[in-house]
Protein backbone atom coordinates (compact mmCIF):
# COMPACT_ATOMS: atom_id res chain seq x y z
CA MET A 1 23.48 5.93 35.84
CA ALA A 2 22.00 3.75 33.16
CA GLN A 3 19.62 5.42 30.76
CA ALA A 4 15.98 4.53 31.14
CA SER A 5 14.69 2.37 28.31
CA GLN A 6 12.10 3.84 25.97
CA ASN A 7 9.09 2.13 24.51
CA VAL A 8 9.32 3.15 20.87
CA ASP A 9 6.91 1.47 18.48
CA CYS A 10 8.07 3.31 15.39
CA ILE A 11 10.41 5.99 14.12
CA TYR A 12 10.03 8.46 11.28
CA ASP A 13 12.12 8.42 8.12
CA PHE A 14 12.29 11.96 6.71
CA ILE A 15 13.17 12.57 3.09
CA TYR A 16 12.34 16.28 3.26
CA LEU A 17 12.37 18.66 6.22
CA ASP A 18 12.26 22.44 6.10
CA SER A 19 13.79 23.05 9.52
CA LYS A 20 13.85 26.84 9.21
CA ARG A 21 10.16 27.12 8.41
CA LEU A 22 9.29 24.55 11.07
CA THR A 23 11.30 26.46 13.66
CA SER A 24 9.50 29.66 12.71
CA PHE A 25 6.12 28.00 13.26
CA LEU A 26 7.13 26.38 16.54
CA ALA A 27 8.37 29.71 17.84
CA GLN A 28 4.82 31.02 17.56
CA LEU A 29 3.34 28.14 19.51
CA ASP A 30 5.33 28.62 22.72
CA ASP A 31 5.75 31.79 24.74
CA ASP A 32 9.34 30.76 25.47
CA GLY A 33 10.26 30.53 21.81
CA VAL A 34 12.03 27.50 20.35
CA LEU A 35 13.90 24.99 22.48
CA LEU A 36 17.45 24.73 21.19
CA SER A 37 19.10 22.60 23.86
CA ILE A 38 18.57 20.95 27.22
CA LYS A 39 21.29 20.50 29.81
CA ASN A 40 20.62 17.97 32.55
CA THR A 41 22.61 18.08 35.81
CA ASN A 42 21.82 15.22 38.17
CA LYS A 43 22.46 16.12 41.80
CA ALA A 44 21.31 14.57 45.06
CA GLU A 45 19.46 17.68 46.16
CA ASP A 46 17.96 18.68 42.84
CA GLU A 47 17.83 18.08 39.12
CA LYS A 48 18.29 21.26 37.17
CA LYS A 49 17.49 21.89 33.55
CA SER A 50 18.90 24.81 31.62
CA LEU A 51 16.80 25.77 28.65
CA LEU A 52 18.16 27.97 25.91
CA SER A 53 15.37 29.43 23.83
CA ALA A 54 15.23 31.62 20.75
CA GLY A 55 12.74 32.74 18.18
CA VAL A 56 9.54 34.75 18.24
CA ASN A 57 8.70 35.42 21.87
CA MET A 58 5.71 37.70 21.69
CA GLY A 59 2.97 35.49 23.07
CA THR A 60 1.57 34.84 19.60
CA ARG A 61 -0.14 31.56 18.76
CA ALA A 62 -0.75 29.79 15.48
CA SER A 63 -4.24 30.36 14.21
CA LYS A 64 -6.55 27.37 13.97
CA GLU A 65 -7.83 28.85 10.74
CA SER A 66 -4.48 28.47 8.98
CA ASN A 67 -4.15 26.48 5.76
CA GLU A 68 -2.18 23.61 7.30
CA ILE A 69 -2.58 20.27 5.57
CA MET A 70 -1.33 16.76 6.36
CA CYS A 71 -2.23 13.64 4.42
CA SER A 72 -0.76 10.27 3.43
CA GLY A 73 -0.30 8.78 0.00
CA THR A 74 2.18 8.06 -2.77
CA ILE A 75 4.83 10.32 -4.29
CA THR A 76 5.94 10.87 -7.86
CA PHE A 77 8.98 13.05 -8.60
CA GLN A 78 9.68 14.93 -11.81
CA ASP A 79 13.26 16.18 -11.83
CA ILE A 80 13.26 18.45 -14.87
CA ARG A 81 16.55 20.01 -13.76
CA MET A 82 18.43 17.22 -15.50
CA MET A 83 16.86 18.27 -18.78
CA ARG A 84 18.64 21.64 -18.83
CA ASN A 85 21.78 20.18 -20.40
CA LEU A 86 19.94 17.62 -22.52
CA TRP A 87 17.86 19.90 -24.75
CA GLU A 88 20.69 20.62 -27.22
CA PRO A 89 21.88 17.00 -27.75
CA MET A 90 18.26 15.88 -28.04
CA MET A 91 17.61 18.50 -30.71
CA LYS A 92 20.73 17.50 -32.64
CA PHE A 93 19.76 13.85 -32.45
CA ALA A 94 16.29 14.69 -33.74
CA ALA A 95 17.76 16.78 -36.57
CA MET A 96 19.83 13.82 -37.76
CA GLY A 97 16.65 11.95 -38.59
CA GLU A 98 15.00 14.78 -40.51
CA GLN A 99 14.11 14.14 -44.15
CA GLY A 100 14.22 16.62 -47.02
CA ASN A 101 16.66 18.75 -48.98
CA HIS A 102 19.41 20.88 -47.47
CA LYS A 103 17.25 24.02 -47.15
CA GLN A 104 14.44 22.13 -45.45
CA LYS A 105 16.87 20.61 -42.97
CA GLN A 106 18.40 24.00 -42.23
CA ASP A 107 14.97 25.55 -41.68
CA LYS A 108 14.04 22.71 -39.34
CA LEU A 109 17.31 23.13 -37.46
CA LYS A 110 16.64 26.85 -36.97
CA GLU A 111 13.17 26.02 -35.67
CA MET A 112 14.65 23.52 -33.22
CA GLU A 113 17.21 26.11 -32.07
CA ALA A 114 14.37 28.53 -31.29
CA HIS A 115 12.53 25.84 -29.35
CA LYS A 116 15.73 24.98 -27.47
CA SER A 117 16.22 28.61 -26.42
CA ILE A 118 12.70 28.69 -25.01
CA LEU A 119 13.07 25.37 -23.21
CA GLU A 120 16.39 26.37 -21.65
CA ALA A 121 14.84 29.58 -20.32
CA LEU A 122 11.99 27.78 -18.56
CA PRO A 123 12.25 27.09 -14.80
CA HIS A 124 14.02 23.80 -14.12
CA ALA A 125 13.09 22.42 -10.71
CA LEU A 126 12.51 19.25 -8.73
CA LEU A 127 8.75 18.74 -8.75
CA MET A 128 6.53 16.47 -6.69
CA THR A 129 3.00 15.18 -7.17
CA PHE A 130 1.38 13.58 -4.15
CA MET A 131 -1.60 11.27 -4.52
CA SER A 132 -3.80 10.53 -1.52
CA ASP A 133 -7.17 8.79 -1.43
CA ASN A 134 -9.08 12.04 -1.89
CA GLU A 135 -6.65 14.72 -3.08
CA CYS A 136 -3.90 15.35 -5.61
CA LEU A 137 -1.18 17.73 -4.42
CA TRP A 138 1.61 19.47 -6.32
CA SER A 139 4.76 21.21 -5.17
CA SER A 140 8.27 22.15 -6.13
CA LEU A 141 10.97 21.08 -3.67
CA ASP A 142 14.00 22.97 -2.38
CA GLU A 143 17.06 20.71 -2.60
CA GLU A 144 18.44 22.37 0.54
CA HIS A 145 15.78 20.61 2.60
CA LEU A 146 16.12 17.17 1.03
CA LYS A 147 17.48 14.51 3.38
CA ILE A 148 18.56 12.25 0.51
CA ASN A 149 20.62 12.89 -2.60
CA SER A 150 18.33 14.24 -5.32
CA ASP A 151 20.14 12.28 -8.04
CA ASP A 152 19.58 9.12 -6.03
CA ILE A 153 15.83 9.64 -6.34
CA THR A 154 15.92 9.22 -10.11
CA LEU A 155 18.69 6.62 -10.27
CA LYS A 156 17.25 4.40 -7.56
CA HIS A 157 13.51 4.96 -7.80
CA GLY A 158 12.81 6.55 -11.16
CA ALA A 159 9.71 8.73 -11.03
CA SER A 160 7.68 6.75 -8.46
CA PHE A 161 8.97 6.74 -4.89
CA ALA A 162 7.95 3.45 -3.29
CA GLY A 163 6.03 3.31 -0.02
CA LYS A 164 3.31 5.25 1.73
CA TRP A 165 4.39 8.73 2.76
CA THR A 166 2.95 11.56 4.83
CA VAL A 167 3.30 15.19 3.85
CA LEU A 168 2.90 18.11 6.23
CA GLY A 169 2.68 21.47 4.58
CA ILE A 170 0.89 24.72 3.90
CA LEU A 171 -2.01 24.72 1.46
CA ASP A 172 -1.55 27.80 -0.71
CA ALA A 173 -3.37 27.04 -3.97
CA LYS A 174 -6.66 25.30 -4.64
CA PRO A 175 -7.83 23.55 -7.81
CA ASN A 176 -9.44 25.82 -10.35
CA ASP A 177 -13.21 25.82 -10.31
CA LYS A 178 -14.25 25.12 -13.91
CA SER A 179 -17.64 26.68 -13.24
CA GLU A 180 -15.96 30.06 -12.79
CA ASN A 181 -14.07 32.20 -15.27
CA THR A 182 -10.42 31.74 -14.27
CA ALA A 183 -8.98 34.02 -16.95
CA PRO A 184 -6.82 36.75 -15.37
CA PRO A 185 -8.35 40.24 -15.52
CA SER A 186 -6.85 42.75 -17.91
CA ILE A 187 -4.85 45.58 -16.34
CA GLY A 188 -5.05 47.73 -19.46
CA ASN A 189 -1.39 47.41 -20.45
CA PRO A 190 -0.73 45.26 -23.53
CA PHE A 191 2.78 44.31 -22.40
CA PHE A 192 1.80 43.23 -18.90
CA ASP A 193 -1.40 41.56 -20.11
CA GLY A 194 0.70 39.51 -22.53
CA LEU A 195 3.20 38.72 -19.76
CA VAL A 196 0.39 37.42 -17.54
CA GLN A 197 -0.76 35.10 -20.33
CA ILE A 198 2.79 33.82 -20.84
CA LEU A 199 3.22 33.09 -17.12
CA ASP A 200 -0.11 31.28 -17.03
CA SER A 201 0.98 29.20 -20.02
CA ILE A 202 4.26 28.27 -18.32
CA ARG A 203 2.36 27.13 -15.25
CA GLU A 204 0.01 25.04 -17.35
CA MET A 205 2.91 23.51 -19.28
CA ILE A 206 5.33 22.53 -16.51
CA GLY A 207 3.72 23.72 -13.28
CA ARG A 208 0.77 22.79 -11.11
CA PRO A 209 -2.08 21.04 -12.94
CA SER A 210 -5.30 23.01 -12.65
CA THR A 211 -7.04 20.12 -10.84
CA TYR A 212 -4.31 19.79 -8.15
CA TYR A 213 -3.86 21.52 -4.83
CA GLY A 214 -0.66 23.53 -4.47
CA ILE A 215 1.29 23.13 -1.24
CA THR A 216 4.49 24.32 0.38
CA PRO A 217 5.90 21.19 2.07
CA ILE A 218 7.38 21.40 5.54
CA ALA A 219 8.05 17.70 6.09
CA ILE A 220 7.73 14.50 4.07
CA PHE A 221 8.19 11.29 6.03
CA ARG A 222 7.15 7.69 6.47
CA THR A 223 6.77 5.44 9.48
CA VAL A 224 9.40 2.79 10.08
CA THR A 225 8.57 0.03 12.55
CA ALA A 226 11.15 -0.17 15.30
């Protein structure tokens, strides 16, 4: 029997899809869990469908008060992972251009080595900033869920990924309100208080800008006309 034709106006091109998280959410939206497969058997007397379901089957539903967010805009990637192996040659190249006597050069080289040790210890991740008409979003991306080669992003597109994209995700951090004191409270332990300040500094240096929303992406896609 010939397949019935479908009227498809467009299809979706996914560059990022967290299938595990999406499956977890869908399992909470249907009492039968998550549909894994459909088996159609076409008979004269009846058409039977066998549904195999799995997942959370407890009658729970997703709350309408959840922090889900979906918006369209442009994407910029910052793949700082590639910098992990570049810090040392960059430092050596910079040291070659240093002026001064031997001792001054050696002191400068030791200073660069200290900086290199700090830079190498920082988190190296694939980062994304997403600009819509009204919001600026920030997120790190898990390479496991990328649908394209991560190196191809930089080699083909550079930092700016062409086109208009839609991101579906969970809103889990809001921009800092400058009218409020955002300094972390002291817990009375000098070591841990200092650690909190260091972590805040790392976030400010290579993490989410204070004026951006922080999201956990579930899907990033664009519409392709069929």
